[in-house]
Structures are given as structure tokens and as C-alpha cells.
Amino acid sequence: MTASQTTRNRRRINGDGSVYKRQDGYWVGAFYARTVSGARKRVVVYGKTLDEARNKLRESQQRASTGIPVPDESWRLDIYLEYWLEHIVKQNRRPATYALYEMITRLYLIPGLGKRQLSQLSVPAVQMFLNQRLEAGDSVRKVQIMRTVLSAALTRAVREELIVRNVARLAELPQSQRGTIRPWSADEAKRFLAAAKADPLYVALGAALLG
């Protein structure tokens, strides 16, 4: 794409920010906003259509205009989850809780959602992930735990002003599930118990999982 073509494709929105079309067909919206540390940062959004990019840009501008800062660093979800486990959960929760959260994160959340940008994680993306786990045979209770762990991590991200809302709280699950229920496999249960062996509730956990 030539410089003149790029200029022709650019659209000014309210005199602040621009929207233009890339060579691959995607539309890009961009503007500058203040970050958590007070620095100026170029915020970029993407859309398959001009209207989608324009709407995303307008939403981002509106959040910035209300005083909500943008994060200084763009976290990918898997990297943020690892940080959260090591520096928040491990330091402030019981070993058994950490072991459970770590296993759920490693076996399910990171493989299913980890490649997504934290700031771009959406309700439909989380809902689709939960639905896929149910369709794969996981019980409602097990998928509820996945949502709980993800929600706990996103709550922390909101407090750190990395995201505006906790999308995991808006995803829905059925109250009960008909059909075949697949609990943790023996190998999954053994790995969890091995991690929680030093916990005072180890015997109770073993009875609950294996009994």
C-alpha cells in the first residue's frame, strides 16, 4: 500500500484518532491516551470492517475520556496467569488452593484461552471456551471451577487497572447438566494430591477426590 493510498483510507473521528485499512484487509483504529504511569501511549484496535474498527475506537476513546487509564504493558493471558499464580495466589492463599488453581490454569485455561491478549478477552470468547469444555464431557461443577479461577485472576487484573471489567463473571453456565459427566481422571487427581501433600487438609482432599 502506497503512502497516498494509506492517506485516502484514513478517516478522522471527532478530530482525535484515525481509522485506516491495512493491506491484509483489516481496519485499524488508533489514538493516543494516558497510561497508568501517566505516559502517552498509542492505543490500537482492529476490526474486519470499517464500522467495527470505528466502534472499537470510539469505545476506547470514551473509556479514556472518563479517566480510565490504559495499561503500560499489553499482557497476553497466559503470561498474566503465570504472574498471578506466582506473585498473588502463591503468596496469599493456602497451598491446596494454589495447587488447584495452578492445575486448572495449566490444564485448561492456558491451552484454551492463553494466546489471547488480556485486554481483548471478551465475554463471547470465555463463553465459547466454557461451552466447549461442557461439550467435551466436563461436569458443570468442574467448568464452574474453571470460571472461578479465571474470574479470580481477572478480578486482580481489574484492580491493577489492566482491564476495565471481569468478563468471566458475565459468562453463563447451566445449573445442572444431563448426560455423561466426566470427573477428573485418576492421573489428574493424583497430580493435584501430590501438589497438596503438605497441606493440613491433605487427607480430606484425598477422601473427597478418590473416595
N, C-alpha and C. Protein backbone atom coordinates (compact mmCIF):
# COMPACT_ATOMS: atom_id res chain seq x y z
N MET A 1 0.85 -1.19 0.00
CA MET A 1 0.00 0.00 0.00
C MET A 1 0.89 1.25 0.00
N THR A 2 0.60 2.21 -0.93
CA THR A 2 1.40 3.42 -1.01
C THR A 2 0.98 4.41 0.07
N ALA A 3 1.82 5.43 0.24
CA ALA A 3 1.52 6.44 1.25
C ALA A 3 0.23 7.17 0.91
N SER A 4 0.01 7.44 -0.40
CA SER A 4 -1.20 8.16 -0.79
C SER A 4 -2.44 7.32 -0.56
N GLN A 5 -2.34 5.99 -0.80
CA GLN A 5 -3.48 5.11 -0.56
C GLN A 5 -3.81 5.05 0.91
N THR A 6 -2.75 4.99 1.75
CA THR A 6 -2.96 4.97 3.20
C THR A 6 -3.67 6.24 3.65
N THR A 7 -3.23 7.37 3.09
CA THR A 7 -3.85 8.65 3.46
C THR A 7 -5.31 8.69 3.06
N ARG A 8 -5.61 8.19 1.86
CA ARG A 8 -7.01 8.19 1.41
C ARG A 8 -7.88 7.32 2.28
N ASN A 9 -7.31 6.22 2.81
CA ASN A 9 -8.09 5.29 3.62
C ASN A 9 -8.30 5.76 5.05
N ARG A 10 -7.51 6.72 5.48
CA ARG A 10 -7.62 7.19 6.86
C ARG A 10 -8.90 8.00 7.04
N ARG A 11 -9.57 7.81 8.15
CA ARG A 11 -10.78 8.56 8.48
C ARG A 11 -10.60 9.20 9.84
N ARG A 12 -10.78 10.49 9.92
CA ARG A 12 -10.69 11.14 11.20
C ARG A 12 -11.99 10.97 11.97
N ILE A 13 -11.92 10.72 13.27
CA ILE A 13 -13.09 10.55 14.10
C ILE A 13 -13.06 11.59 15.20
N ASN A 14 -14.02 12.51 15.15
CA ASN A 14 -14.13 13.56 16.16
C ASN A 14 -12.81 14.33 16.33
N GLY A 15 -12.01 14.39 15.25
CA GLY A 15 -10.77 15.12 15.32
C GLY A 15 -9.71 14.47 16.17
N ASP A 16 -9.94 13.24 16.62
CA ASP A 16 -8.99 12.60 17.54
C ASP A 16 -8.92 11.12 17.20
N GLY A 17 -7.78 10.68 16.68
CA GLY A 17 -7.65 9.28 16.31
C GLY A 17 -7.92 9.09 14.83
N SER A 18 -7.55 7.94 14.31
CA SER A 18 -7.75 7.67 12.89
C SER A 18 -8.09 6.21 12.68
N VAL A 19 -8.74 5.95 11.55
CA VAL A 19 -9.06 4.59 11.15
C VAL A 19 -8.56 4.41 9.72
N TYR A 20 -7.82 3.33 9.47
CA TYR A 20 -7.32 3.09 8.14
C TYR A 20 -7.31 1.59 7.84
N LYS A 21 -7.24 1.27 6.57
CA LYS A 21 -7.29 -0.12 6.12
C LYS A 21 -5.89 -0.64 5.81
N ARG A 22 -5.58 -1.84 6.34
CA ARG A 22 -4.27 -2.44 6.08
C ARG A 22 -4.30 -3.22 4.76
N GLN A 23 -3.13 -3.63 4.33
CA GLN A 23 -3.03 -4.40 3.09
C GLN A 23 -3.76 -5.73 3.17
N ASP A 24 -3.82 -6.32 4.38
CA ASP A 24 -4.47 -7.62 4.52
C ASP A 24 -5.98 -7.51 4.62
N GLY A 25 -6.53 -6.30 4.52
CA GLY A 25 -7.98 -6.12 4.54
C GLY A 25 -8.56 -5.71 5.87
N TYR A 26 -7.78 -5.83 6.94
CA TYR A 26 -8.27 -5.44 8.27
C TYR A 26 -8.24 -3.92 8.41
N TRP A 27 -9.18 -3.40 9.20
CA TRP A 27 -9.22 -1.99 9.52
C TRP A 27 -8.57 -1.76 10.89
N VAL A 28 -7.84 -0.68 10.99
CA VAL A 28 -7.10 -0.36 12.21
C VAL A 28 -7.54 1.01 12.71
N GLY A 29 -7.83 1.09 14.00
CA GLY A 29 -8.13 2.36 14.63
C GLY A 29 -7.04 2.68 15.64
N ALA A 30 -6.63 3.93 15.72
CA ALA A 30 -5.54 4.28 16.62
C ALA A 30 -5.74 5.68 17.18
N PHE A 31 -5.33 5.85 18.44
CA PHE A 31 -5.32 7.17 19.07
C PHE A 31 -4.35 7.12 20.24
N TYR A 32 -4.04 8.27 20.82
CA TYR A 32 -3.12 8.33 21.95
C TYR A 32 -3.89 8.58 23.24
N ALA A 33 -3.47 7.88 24.31
CA ALA A 33 -4.13 8.04 25.61
C ALA A 33 -3.09 7.95 26.71
N ARG A 34 -3.49 8.37 27.91
CA ARG A 34 -2.62 8.29 29.07
C ARG A 34 -2.63 6.88 29.65
N THR A 35 -1.45 6.41 30.07
CA THR A 35 -1.35 5.09 30.68
C THR A 35 -1.43 5.21 32.20
N VAL A 36 -1.39 4.06 32.87
CA VAL A 36 -1.44 4.03 34.33
C VAL A 36 -0.32 4.86 34.94
N SER A 37 0.86 4.85 34.31
CA SER A 37 2.01 5.59 34.84
C SER A 37 2.00 7.06 34.45
N GLY A 38 1.03 7.45 33.60
CA GLY A 38 0.94 8.85 33.18
C GLY A 38 1.58 9.14 31.84
N ALA A 39 2.20 8.14 31.22
CA ALA A 39 2.83 8.34 29.92
C ALA A 39 1.77 8.32 28.81
N ARG A 40 2.16 8.82 27.64
CA ARG A 40 1.27 8.76 26.47
C ARG A 40 1.57 7.49 25.68
N LYS A 41 0.52 6.80 25.26
CA LYS A 41 0.69 5.53 24.55
C LYS A 41 -0.27 5.48 23.38
N ARG A 42 0.18 4.93 22.27
CA ARG A 42 -0.67 4.76 21.09
C ARG A 42 -1.53 3.51 21.30
N VAL A 43 -2.82 3.70 21.34
CA VAL A 43 -3.77 2.59 21.52
C VAL A 43 -4.29 2.18 20.15
N VAL A 44 -4.23 0.88 19.87
CA VAL A 44 -4.62 0.37 18.56
C VAL A 44 -5.72 -0.68 18.72
N VAL A 45 -6.76 -0.58 17.89
CA VAL A 45 -7.84 -1.57 17.86
C VAL A 45 -7.97 -2.07 16.43
N TYR A 46 -8.58 -3.24 16.27
CA TYR A 46 -8.68 -3.85 14.96
C TYR A 46 -10.12 -4.27 14.67
N GLY A 47 -10.50 -4.27 13.41
CA GLY A 47 -11.83 -4.72 13.02
C GLY A 47 -11.82 -5.28 11.61
N LYS A 48 -12.73 -6.20 11.34
CA LYS A 48 -12.84 -6.77 10.00
C LYS A 48 -13.51 -5.80 9.03
N THR A 49 -14.27 -4.85 9.58
CA THR A 49 -14.94 -3.85 8.77
C THR A 49 -14.62 -2.46 9.31
N LEU A 50 -14.90 -1.45 8.50
CA LEU A 50 -14.69 -0.07 8.93
C LEU A 50 -15.54 0.25 10.15
N ASP A 51 -16.81 -0.17 10.12
CA ASP A 51 -17.71 0.13 11.25
C ASP A 51 -17.23 -0.53 12.53
N GLU A 52 -16.74 -1.78 12.44
CA GLU A 52 -16.26 -2.48 13.64
C GLU A 52 -15.06 -1.75 14.23
N ALA A 53 -14.11 -1.37 13.39
CA ALA A 53 -12.93 -0.66 13.88
C ALA A 53 -13.33 0.70 14.45
N ARG A 54 -14.25 1.39 13.77
CA ARG A 54 -14.69 2.71 14.23
C ARG A 54 -15.38 2.61 15.59
N ASN A 55 -16.23 1.57 15.77
CA ASN A 55 -16.93 1.40 17.05
C ASN A 55 -15.96 1.08 18.18
N LYS A 56 -14.99 0.20 17.90
CA LYS A 56 -13.99 -0.15 18.92
C LYS A 56 -13.16 1.06 19.30
N LEU A 57 -12.81 1.87 18.30
CA LEU A 57 -12.03 3.06 18.58
C LEU A 57 -12.84 4.03 19.44
N ARG A 58 -14.11 4.21 19.10
CA ARG A 58 -14.96 5.12 19.86
C ARG A 58 -15.11 4.65 21.31
N GLU A 59 -15.27 3.34 21.51
CA GLU A 59 -15.40 2.80 22.87
C GLU A 59 -14.12 3.04 23.67
N SER A 60 -12.97 2.82 23.03
CA SER A 60 -11.70 3.03 23.72
C SER A 60 -11.50 4.49 24.06
N GLN A 61 -11.89 5.37 23.15
CA GLN A 61 -11.77 6.80 23.40
C GLN A 61 -12.68 7.24 24.54
N GLN A 62 -13.88 6.67 24.59
CA GLN A 62 -14.81 7.03 25.65
C GLN A 62 -14.29 6.59 27.01
N ARG A 63 -13.68 5.38 27.08
CA ARG A 63 -13.09 4.93 28.34
C ARG A 63 -11.97 5.87 28.77
N ALA A 64 -11.14 6.28 27.80
CA ALA A 64 -10.03 7.18 28.13
C ALA A 64 -10.55 8.54 28.58
N SER A 65 -11.65 8.99 27.98
CA SER A 65 -12.18 10.31 28.33
C SER A 65 -12.79 10.35 29.72
N THR A 66 -13.16 9.19 30.25
CA THR A 66 -13.74 9.13 31.60
C THR A 66 -12.66 9.00 32.67
N GLY A 67 -11.40 8.99 32.23
CA GLY A 67 -10.30 8.94 33.19
C GLY A 67 -9.76 7.55 33.45
N ILE A 68 -10.24 6.54 32.72
CA ILE A 68 -9.74 5.17 32.89
C ILE A 68 -8.44 5.03 32.09
N PRO A 69 -7.29 4.85 32.74
CA PRO A 69 -6.03 4.78 32.01
C PRO A 69 -5.86 3.45 31.29
N VAL A 70 -5.03 3.44 30.27
CA VAL A 70 -4.72 2.19 29.57
C VAL A 70 -3.48 1.60 30.21
N PRO A 71 -3.31 0.28 30.16
CA PRO A 71 -2.13 -0.33 30.78
C PRO A 71 -0.85 0.05 30.06
N ASP A 72 0.25 0.15 30.82
CA ASP A 72 1.55 0.45 30.21
C ASP A 72 2.05 -0.73 29.38
N GLU A 73 1.67 -1.94 29.78
CA GLU A 73 2.15 -3.14 29.10
C GLU A 73 0.97 -3.98 28.66
N SER A 74 1.04 -4.51 27.45
CA SER A 74 -0.02 -5.39 26.94
C SER A 74 0.31 -6.83 27.34
N TRP A 75 -0.49 -7.37 28.22
CA TRP A 75 -0.27 -8.73 28.71
C TRP A 75 -1.00 -9.74 27.83
N ARG A 76 -0.35 -10.84 27.56
CA ARG A 76 -1.07 -11.98 27.00
C ARG A 76 -1.61 -12.77 28.18
N LEU A 77 -2.78 -13.40 28.02
CA LEU A 77 -3.44 -14.03 29.16
C LEU A 77 -2.58 -15.09 29.82
N ASP A 78 -1.90 -15.94 29.04
CA ASP A 78 -1.10 -16.99 29.67
C ASP A 78 0.02 -16.42 30.53
N ILE A 79 0.64 -15.33 30.05
CA ILE A 79 1.72 -14.71 30.83
C ILE A 79 1.17 -14.08 32.10
N TYR A 80 0.01 -13.43 31.98
CA TYR A 80 -0.58 -12.82 33.17
C TYR A 80 -0.99 -13.88 34.18
N LEU A 81 -1.56 -14.99 33.73
CA LEU A 81 -1.98 -16.06 34.65
C LEU A 81 -0.78 -16.62 35.42
N GLU A 82 0.34 -16.80 34.73
CA GLU A 82 1.54 -17.30 35.40
C GLU A 82 2.05 -16.30 36.44
N TYR A 83 2.02 -15.03 36.08
CA TYR A 83 2.41 -13.98 37.04
C TYR A 83 1.47 -13.98 38.24
N TRP A 84 0.17 -14.05 37.98
CA TRP A 84 -0.84 -14.04 39.05
C TRP A 84 -0.67 -15.22 39.99
N LEU A 85 -0.44 -16.40 39.45
CA LEU A 85 -0.25 -17.59 40.28
C LEU A 85 0.98 -17.44 41.18
N GLU A 86 2.08 -16.99 40.60
CA GLU A 86 3.35 -16.94 41.33
C GLU A 86 3.40 -15.82 42.36
N HIS A 87 2.88 -14.66 42.00
CA HIS A 87 3.07 -13.48 42.85
C HIS A 87 1.85 -13.11 43.68
N ILE A 88 0.69 -13.61 43.35
CA ILE A 88 -0.52 -13.28 44.11
C ILE A 88 -1.06 -14.50 44.85
N VAL A 89 -1.40 -15.55 44.09
CA VAL A 89 -2.02 -16.73 44.71
C VAL A 89 -1.04 -17.44 45.64
N LYS A 90 0.16 -17.69 45.15
CA LYS A 90 1.14 -18.45 45.94
C LYS A 90 1.51 -17.73 47.23
N GLN A 91 1.47 -16.39 47.19
CA GLN A 91 1.88 -15.62 48.36
C GLN A 91 0.75 -15.40 49.36
N ASN A 92 -0.50 -15.55 48.92
CA ASN A 92 -1.62 -15.14 49.77
C ASN A 92 -2.67 -16.22 50.03
N ARG A 93 -2.58 -17.34 49.36
CA ARG A 93 -3.58 -18.39 49.53
C ARG A 93 -2.94 -19.66 50.07
N ARG A 94 -3.77 -20.58 50.55
CA ARG A 94 -3.27 -21.84 51.10
C ARG A 94 -2.64 -22.68 50.00
N PRO A 95 -1.70 -23.56 50.35
CA PRO A 95 -1.06 -24.41 49.34
C PRO A 95 -2.05 -25.23 48.52
N ALA A 96 -3.10 -25.72 49.17
CA ALA A 96 -4.08 -26.52 48.44
C ALA A 96 -4.82 -25.68 47.41
N THR A 97 -5.11 -24.43 47.76
CA THR A 97 -5.78 -23.53 46.82
C THR A 97 -4.86 -23.23 45.65
N TYR A 98 -3.59 -22.95 45.96
CA TYR A 98 -2.63 -22.69 44.89
C TYR A 98 -2.50 -23.90 43.97
N ALA A 99 -2.43 -25.09 44.54
CA ALA A 99 -2.28 -26.31 43.74
C ALA A 99 -3.47 -26.49 42.81
N LEU A 100 -4.67 -26.25 43.32
CA LEU A 100 -5.87 -26.37 42.49
C LEU A 100 -5.87 -25.34 41.38
N TYR A 101 -5.60 -24.07 41.74
CA TYR A 101 -5.60 -23.01 40.74
C TYR A 101 -4.53 -23.25 39.68
N GLU A 102 -3.37 -23.71 40.11
CA GLU A 102 -2.27 -23.96 39.16
C GLU A 102 -2.64 -25.07 38.18
N MET A 103 -3.27 -26.14 38.69
CA MET A 103 -3.64 -27.24 37.81
C MET A 103 -4.71 -26.82 36.82
N ILE A 104 -5.74 -26.11 37.29
CA ILE A 104 -6.81 -25.65 36.41
C ILE A 104 -6.25 -24.71 35.34
N THR A 105 -5.34 -23.84 35.76
CA THR A 105 -4.73 -22.90 34.82
C THR A 105 -3.89 -23.63 33.77
N ARG A 106 -3.06 -24.54 34.22
CA ARG A 106 -2.13 -25.24 33.31
C ARG A 106 -2.85 -26.18 32.36
N LEU A 107 -3.84 -26.91 32.88
CA LEU A 107 -4.50 -27.93 32.06
C LEU A 107 -5.63 -27.39 31.18
N TYR A 108 -6.24 -26.28 31.59
CA TYR A 108 -7.44 -25.83 30.87
C TYR A 108 -7.38 -24.38 30.40
N LEU A 109 -7.10 -23.44 31.30
CA LEU A 109 -7.19 -22.03 30.93
C LEU A 109 -6.13 -21.62 29.91
N ILE A 110 -4.88 -22.01 30.17
CA ILE A 110 -3.82 -21.63 29.23
C ILE A 110 -3.98 -22.31 27.87
N PRO A 111 -4.24 -23.63 27.82
CA PRO A 111 -4.45 -24.23 26.49
C PRO A 111 -5.67 -23.66 25.76
N GLY A 112 -6.72 -23.30 26.51
CA GLY A 112 -7.95 -22.85 25.87
C GLY A 112 -8.01 -21.37 25.53
N LEU A 113 -7.38 -20.54 26.37
CA LEU A 113 -7.51 -19.09 26.20
C LEU A 113 -6.18 -18.34 26.25
N GLY A 114 -5.11 -19.01 26.57
CA GLY A 114 -3.85 -18.36 26.90
C GLY A 114 -3.25 -17.47 25.84
N LYS A 115 -3.49 -17.73 24.56
CA LYS A 115 -2.87 -16.94 23.50
C LYS A 115 -3.56 -15.61 23.26
N ARG A 116 -4.68 -15.38 23.92
CA ARG A 116 -5.41 -14.12 23.73
C ARG A 116 -4.79 -13.00 24.55
N GLN A 117 -4.92 -11.79 24.05
CA GLN A 117 -4.48 -10.63 24.80
C GLN A 117 -5.44 -10.39 25.96
N LEU A 118 -4.89 -10.11 27.14
CA LEU A 118 -5.71 -9.90 28.32
C LEU A 118 -6.72 -8.79 28.10
N SER A 119 -6.29 -7.70 27.50
CA SER A 119 -7.17 -6.55 27.31
C SER A 119 -8.24 -6.79 26.26
N GLN A 120 -8.08 -7.83 25.44
CA GLN A 120 -9.03 -8.11 24.38
C GLN A 120 -9.88 -9.35 24.66
N LEU A 121 -9.74 -9.90 25.86
CA LEU A 121 -10.55 -11.06 26.23
C LEU A 121 -12.01 -10.62 26.32
N SER A 122 -12.91 -11.35 25.68
CA SER A 122 -14.30 -10.94 25.60
C SER A 122 -15.23 -11.97 26.24
N VAL A 123 -16.45 -11.54 26.51
CA VAL A 123 -17.46 -12.45 27.05
C VAL A 123 -17.72 -13.61 26.08
N PRO A 124 -17.92 -13.35 24.76
CA PRO A 124 -18.14 -14.47 23.84
C PRO A 124 -16.99 -15.47 23.82
N ALA A 125 -15.74 -14.99 23.93
CA ALA A 125 -14.58 -15.90 23.91
C ALA A 125 -14.60 -16.81 25.13
N VAL A 126 -14.88 -16.24 26.30
CA VAL A 126 -14.95 -17.05 27.53
C VAL A 126 -16.13 -17.99 27.47
N GLN A 127 -17.28 -17.51 26.99
CA GLN A 127 -18.46 -18.35 26.90
C GLN A 127 -18.22 -19.54 25.98
N MET A 128 -17.57 -19.29 24.85
CA MET A 128 -17.27 -20.37 23.91
C MET A 128 -16.34 -21.40 24.54
N PHE A 129 -15.34 -20.93 25.27
CA PHE A 129 -14.41 -21.84 25.96
C PHE A 129 -15.16 -22.72 26.96
N LEU A 130 -16.03 -22.13 27.77
CA LEU A 130 -16.79 -22.90 28.76
C LEU A 130 -17.72 -23.90 28.08
N ASN A 131 -18.37 -23.46 27.01
CA ASN A 131 -19.27 -24.36 26.27
C ASN A 131 -18.51 -25.55 25.69
N GLN A 132 -17.32 -25.28 25.18
CA GLN A 132 -16.50 -26.36 24.60
C GLN A 132 -16.09 -27.36 25.66
N ARG A 133 -15.78 -26.88 26.88
CA ARG A 133 -15.42 -27.80 27.96
C ARG A 133 -16.62 -28.68 28.33
N LEU A 134 -17.81 -28.10 28.36
CA LEU A 134 -19.01 -28.90 28.65
C LEU A 134 -19.25 -29.92 27.55
N GLU A 135 -19.08 -29.50 26.31
CA GLU A 135 -19.29 -30.41 25.18
C GLU A 135 -18.26 -31.53 25.17
N ALA A 136 -17.08 -31.26 25.74
CA ALA A 136 -16.02 -32.28 25.81
C ALA A 136 -16.30 -33.31 26.90
N GLY A 137 -17.33 -33.06 27.72
CA GLY A 137 -17.71 -34.03 28.75
C GLY A 137 -17.39 -33.63 30.17
N ASP A 138 -16.81 -32.44 30.37
CA ASP A 138 -16.54 -31.99 31.74
C ASP A 138 -17.85 -31.66 32.45
N SER A 139 -17.90 -31.94 33.74
CA SER A 139 -19.11 -31.66 34.51
C SER A 139 -19.29 -30.16 34.68
N VAL A 140 -20.54 -29.77 34.97
CA VAL A 140 -20.82 -28.35 35.22
C VAL A 140 -19.97 -27.85 36.38
N ARG A 141 -19.86 -28.66 37.43
CA ARG A 141 -19.08 -28.25 38.60
C ARG A 141 -17.62 -27.99 38.23
N LYS A 142 -17.05 -28.87 37.40
CA LYS A 142 -15.66 -28.70 37.01
C LYS A 142 -15.47 -27.44 36.19
N VAL A 143 -16.40 -27.17 35.29
CA VAL A 143 -16.31 -25.97 34.46
C VAL A 143 -16.56 -24.72 35.30
N GLN A 144 -17.40 -24.84 36.32
CA GLN A 144 -17.59 -23.72 37.24
C GLN A 144 -16.28 -23.35 37.94
N ILE A 145 -15.50 -24.37 38.29
CA ILE A 145 -14.20 -24.11 38.92
C ILE A 145 -13.28 -23.38 37.95
N MET A 146 -13.31 -23.77 36.67
CA MET A 146 -12.51 -23.08 35.67
C MET A 146 -12.90 -21.62 35.59
N ARG A 147 -14.20 -21.35 35.58
CA ARG A 147 -14.65 -19.96 35.52
C ARG A 147 -14.27 -19.20 36.79
N THR A 148 -14.36 -19.87 37.94
CA THR A 148 -13.99 -19.23 39.21
C THR A 148 -12.53 -18.83 39.23
N VAL A 149 -11.66 -19.73 38.76
CA VAL A 149 -10.22 -19.43 38.74
C VAL A 149 -9.93 -18.28 37.78
N LEU A 150 -10.52 -18.34 36.59
CA LEU A 150 -10.32 -17.26 35.62
C LEU A 150 -10.86 -15.94 36.17
N SER A 151 -12.01 -15.99 36.81
CA SER A 151 -12.61 -14.78 37.37
C SER A 151 -11.73 -14.17 38.46
N ALA A 152 -11.13 -15.02 39.28
CA ALA A 152 -10.24 -14.53 40.33
C ALA A 152 -9.04 -13.80 39.73
N ALA A 153 -8.49 -14.36 38.66
CA ALA A 153 -7.35 -13.72 38.00
C ALA A 153 -7.75 -12.40 37.37
N LEU A 154 -8.92 -12.37 36.73
CA LEU A 154 -9.37 -11.15 36.07
C LEU A 154 -9.75 -10.07 37.08
N THR A 155 -10.26 -10.48 38.24
CA THR A 155 -10.55 -9.52 39.30
C THR A 155 -9.28 -8.80 39.71
N ARG A 156 -8.20 -9.54 39.83
CA ARG A 156 -6.91 -8.93 40.17
C ARG A 156 -6.45 -7.99 39.06
N ALA A 157 -6.67 -8.41 37.80
CA ALA A 157 -6.26 -7.56 36.68
C ALA A 157 -7.04 -6.25 36.66
N VAL A 158 -8.31 -6.30 37.07
CA VAL A 158 -9.11 -5.07 37.17
C VAL A 158 -8.52 -4.16 38.24
N ARG A 159 -8.16 -4.73 39.38
CA ARG A 159 -7.57 -3.94 40.47
C ARG A 159 -6.26 -3.30 40.04
N GLU A 160 -5.52 -3.99 39.18
CA GLU A 160 -4.24 -3.46 38.70
C GLU A 160 -4.44 -2.52 37.51
N GLU A 161 -5.70 -2.26 37.16
CA GLU A 161 -6.07 -1.37 36.07
C GLU A 161 -5.52 -1.83 34.72
N LEU A 162 -5.43 -3.14 34.56
CA LEU A 162 -5.00 -3.71 33.28
C LEU A 162 -6.18 -3.93 32.35
N ILE A 163 -7.36 -4.14 32.91
CA ILE A 163 -8.59 -4.29 32.15
C ILE A 163 -9.70 -3.51 32.84
N VAL A 164 -10.79 -3.28 32.12
CA VAL A 164 -11.88 -2.46 32.64
C VAL A 164 -12.91 -3.30 33.39
N ARG A 165 -13.17 -4.53 32.91
CA ARG A 165 -14.19 -5.36 33.53
C ARG A 165 -13.78 -6.82 33.54
N ASN A 166 -14.45 -7.58 34.39
CA ASN A 166 -14.19 -9.01 34.51
C ASN A 166 -15.20 -9.76 33.65
N VAL A 167 -14.78 -10.17 32.45
CA VAL A 167 -15.70 -10.80 31.52
C VAL A 167 -16.10 -12.21 31.95
N ALA A 168 -15.31 -12.85 32.80
CA ALA A 168 -15.65 -14.21 33.25
C ALA A 168 -16.93 -14.20 34.07
N ARG A 169 -17.19 -13.12 34.78
CA ARG A 169 -18.40 -13.04 35.59
C ARG A 169 -19.66 -12.98 34.75
N LEU A 170 -19.52 -12.55 33.50
CA LEU A 170 -20.68 -12.38 32.63
C LEU A 170 -20.98 -13.63 31.81
N ALA A 171 -20.07 -14.59 31.80
CA ALA A 171 -20.31 -15.86 31.09
C ALA A 171 -21.25 -16.72 31.93
N GLU A 172 -22.11 -17.47 31.28
CA GLU A 172 -23.13 -18.24 31.97
C GLU A 172 -22.89 -19.74 31.86
N LEU A 173 -23.35 -20.44 32.89
CA LEU A 173 -23.29 -21.90 32.92
C LEU A 173 -24.64 -22.44 33.38
N PRO A 174 -25.02 -23.62 32.90
CA PRO A 174 -26.29 -24.21 33.36
C PRO A 174 -26.21 -24.60 34.83
N GLN A 175 -27.36 -24.64 35.48
CA GLN A 175 -27.41 -25.04 36.89
C GLN A 175 -27.12 -26.52 37.06
N SER A 176 -27.53 -27.31 36.09
CA SER A 176 -27.28 -28.76 36.14
C SER A 176 -27.03 -29.23 34.73
N GLN A 177 -26.51 -30.43 34.63
CA GLN A 177 -26.13 -30.97 33.34
C GLN A 177 -26.62 -32.40 33.20
N ARG A 178 -27.33 -32.66 32.11
CA ARG A 178 -27.78 -34.01 31.82
C ARG A 178 -26.75 -34.71 30.94
N GLY A 179 -26.77 -36.01 30.99
CA GLY A 179 -25.85 -36.78 30.17
C GLY A 179 -24.65 -37.25 30.96
N THR A 180 -23.65 -37.65 30.25
CA THR A 180 -22.46 -38.21 30.87
C THR A 180 -21.61 -37.12 31.52
N ILE A 181 -21.23 -37.35 32.76
CA ILE A 181 -20.37 -36.43 33.48
C ILE A 181 -18.99 -37.05 33.62
N ARG A 182 -17.98 -36.32 33.18
CA ARG A 182 -16.62 -36.85 33.25
C ARG A 182 -15.86 -36.13 34.36
N PRO A 183 -15.61 -36.80 35.48
CA PRO A 183 -14.83 -36.17 36.56
C PRO A 183 -13.36 -36.15 36.19
N TRP A 184 -12.53 -35.63 37.10
CA TRP A 184 -11.10 -35.67 36.86
C TRP A 184 -10.64 -37.11 36.67
N SER A 185 -9.67 -37.29 35.81
CA SER A 185 -9.09 -38.62 35.64
C SER A 185 -8.25 -38.96 36.87
N ALA A 186 -7.90 -40.22 37.01
CA ALA A 186 -7.08 -40.64 38.15
C ALA A 186 -5.74 -39.93 38.13
N ASP A 187 -5.19 -39.72 36.92
CA ASP A 187 -3.90 -39.05 36.81
C ASP A 187 -4.00 -37.59 37.25
N GLU A 188 -5.10 -36.91 36.85
CA GLU A 188 -5.30 -35.52 37.26
C GLU A 188 -5.43 -35.41 38.78
N ALA A 189 -6.21 -36.32 39.36
CA ALA A 189 -6.41 -36.30 40.82
C ALA A 189 -5.10 -36.56 41.55
N LYS A 190 -4.30 -37.50 41.04
CA LYS A 190 -3.03 -37.82 41.68
C LYS A 190 -2.07 -36.65 41.62
N ARG A 191 -2.04 -35.92 40.48
CA ARG A 191 -1.15 -34.77 40.36
C ARG A 191 -1.56 -33.67 41.34
N PHE A 192 -2.87 -33.47 41.48
CA PHE A 192 -3.34 -32.46 42.42
C PHE A 192 -2.96 -32.83 43.85
N LEU A 193 -3.18 -34.10 44.22
CA LEU A 193 -2.88 -34.54 45.59
C LEU A 193 -1.38 -34.48 45.87
N ALA A 194 -0.58 -34.77 44.86
CA ALA A 194 0.87 -34.70 45.05
C ALA A 194 1.30 -33.27 45.35
N ALA A 195 0.65 -32.31 44.66
CA ALA A 195 0.99 -30.91 44.88
C ALA A 195 0.50 -30.43 46.25
N ALA A 196 -0.58 -31.04 46.75
CA ALA A 196 -1.19 -30.58 48.01
C ALA A 196 -0.77 -31.44 49.20
N LYS A 197 0.23 -32.29 49.03
CA LYS A 197 0.58 -33.27 50.07
C LYS A 197 0.95 -32.63 51.40
N ALA A 198 1.56 -31.45 51.36
CA ALA A 198 1.99 -30.80 52.60
C ALA A 198 0.87 -30.05 53.30
N ASP A 199 -0.27 -29.95 52.66
CA ASP A 199 -1.37 -29.17 53.25
C ASP A 199 -2.02 -29.94 54.39
N PRO A 200 -2.45 -29.26 55.47
CA PRO A 200 -3.11 -29.94 56.59
C PRO A 200 -4.40 -30.66 56.19
N LEU A 201 -5.01 -30.21 55.10
CA LEU A 201 -6.26 -30.84 54.66
C LEU A 201 -6.03 -31.94 53.63
N TYR A 202 -4.79 -32.41 53.53
CA TYR A 202 -4.46 -33.41 52.51
C TYR A 202 -5.34 -34.65 52.60
N VAL A 203 -5.56 -35.15 53.81
CA VAL A 203 -6.36 -36.37 53.98
C VAL A 203 -7.78 -36.14 53.52
N ALA A 204 -8.35 -34.98 53.91
CA ALA A 204 -9.72 -34.67 53.50
C ALA A 204 -9.83 -34.51 51.99
N LEU A 205 -8.83 -33.86 51.38
CA LEU A 205 -8.83 -33.70 49.94
C LEU A 205 -8.77 -35.05 49.23
N GLY A 206 -7.93 -35.94 49.77
CA GLY A 206 -7.82 -37.26 49.17
C GLY A 206 -9.12 -38.02 49.25
N ALA A 207 -9.80 -37.91 50.38
CA ALA A 207 -11.07 -38.61 50.55
C ALA A 207 -12.12 -38.07 49.60
N ALA A 208 -12.10 -36.73 49.38
CA ALA A 208 -13.09 -36.12 48.51
C ALA A 208 -12.88 -36.47 47.05
N LEU A 209 -11.60 -36.57 46.65
CA LEU A 209 -11.29 -36.84 45.25
C LEU A 209 -11.32 -38.31 44.88
N LEU A 210 -10.85 -39.12 45.81
CA LEU A 210 -10.67 -40.54 45.49
C LEU A 210 -11.70 -41.45 46.17
N GLY A 211 -12.40 -40.89 47.15
CA GLY A 211 -13.34 -41.69 47.90
C GLY A 211 -14.63 -41.96 47.19
